[in-house]
Amino acid sequence: MSTMSDLVKAVKAYAIKHYDEDGWDYIVEAFEDSEIATEIRKAGARTEQEAINVLHEHVKILDDHRKDIQATAF
């Protein structure tokens, strides 16, 4: 079982690698480690992949909303 610190690091590393996909830039640019940890804890994620999946659900919603706004800008 990974520690919370390990899970947060895994999420951040994944976010950096996938910066331009599905809203991962939000994690890199706007999320504090404590916010990432809170989302992981709330979902009960225990593995790196579970933590990544949890945060993906969260940032995908933000990214979809951003895309909706951008689509109506012009």
Protein backbone atom coordinates (compact mmCIF):
# COMPACT_ATOMS: atom_id res chain seq x y z
CA MET A 1 0.00 0.00 0.00
CA SER A 2 1.30 3.44 -0.95
CA THR A 3 1.54 6.36 1.44
CA MET A 4 -0.50 9.49 0.78
CA SER A 5 2.71 11.27 -0.18
CA ASP A 6 3.43 8.53 -2.77
CA LEU A 7 -0.08 8.82 -4.18
CA VAL A 8 0.14 12.61 -4.47
CA LYS A 9 3.54 12.34 -6.18
CA ALA A 10 2.16 9.77 -8.62
CA VAL A 11 -0.78 12.02 -9.50
CA LYS A 12 1.50 15.03 -10.00
CA ALA A 13 3.94 13.05 -12.17
CA TYR A 14 1.06 11.77 -14.29
CA ALA A 15 -0.34 15.28 -14.58
CA ILE A 16 2.98 16.65 -15.81
CA LYS A 17 3.32 13.86 -18.36
CA HIS A 18 -0.25 14.43 -19.60
CA TYR A 19 -0.33 18.21 -19.17
CA ASP A 20 -2.19 18.92 -22.43
CA GLU A 21 -4.80 16.17 -22.00
CA ASP A 22 -8.18 16.11 -20.24
CA GLY A 23 -7.50 18.96 -17.83
CA TRP A 24 -4.35 17.63 -16.20
CA ASP A 25 -2.93 21.13 -16.47
CA TYR A 26 -5.27 22.06 -13.61
CA ILE A 27 -3.35 19.72 -11.30
CA VAL A 28 -0.01 21.17 -12.37
CA GLU A 29 -1.05 24.81 -12.30
CA ALA A 30 -3.74 25.14 -9.65
CA PHE A 31 -3.87 22.26 -7.16
CA GLU A 32 -1.94 22.20 -3.89
CA ASP A 33 -0.71 18.84 -2.63
CA SER A 34 -3.23 19.06 0.19
CA GLU A 35 -6.10 19.44 -2.31
CA ILE A 36 -4.91 16.39 -4.25
CA ALA A 37 -4.64 14.43 -1.00
CA THR A 38 -8.15 15.49 0.03
CA GLU A 39 -9.63 14.16 -3.23
CA ILE A 40 -7.71 10.89 -2.86
CA ARG A 41 -8.86 10.48 0.75
CA LYS A 42 -12.50 11.27 -0.06
CA ALA A 43 -12.53 8.56 -2.71
CA GLY A 44 -10.65 6.05 -0.60
CA ALA A 45 -8.02 5.45 -3.28
CA ARG A 46 -5.21 3.16 -2.13
CA THR A 47 -3.09 2.62 -5.22
CA GLU A 48 -1.40 5.03 -7.58
CA GLN A 49 -3.74 4.05 -10.40
CA GLU A 50 -6.82 4.56 -8.22
CA ALA A 51 -5.53 7.99 -7.20
CA ILE A 52 -4.90 8.95 -10.82
CA ASN A 53 -8.38 7.75 -11.79
CA VAL A 54 -9.99 9.77 -8.99
CA LEU A 55 -8.24 12.98 -9.99
CA HIS A 56 -8.91 12.30 -13.67
CA GLU A 57 -12.65 12.28 -12.98
CA HIS A 58 -12.29 15.60 -11.17
CA VAL A 59 -10.17 17.44 -13.75
CA LYS A 60 -12.08 16.00 -16.71
CA ILE A 61 -15.20 17.80 -15.45
CA LEU A 62 -13.23 21.05 -15.20
CA ASP A 63 -11.79 20.53 -18.68
CA ASP A 64 -15.21 19.79 -20.19
CA HIS A 65 -16.57 22.98 -18.62
CA ARG A 66 -13.62 24.97 -19.98
CA LYS A 67 -14.22 23.56 -23.46
CA ASP A 68 -17.91 24.48 -23.28
CA ILE A 69 -16.99 28.07 -22.42
CA GLN A 70 -14.38 28.24 -25.17
CA ALA A 71 -16.89 26.91 -27.70
CA THR A 72 -19.25 29.80 -27.00
CA ALA A 73 -16.60 32.52 -26.89
CA PHE A 74 -16.93 33.41 -30.57
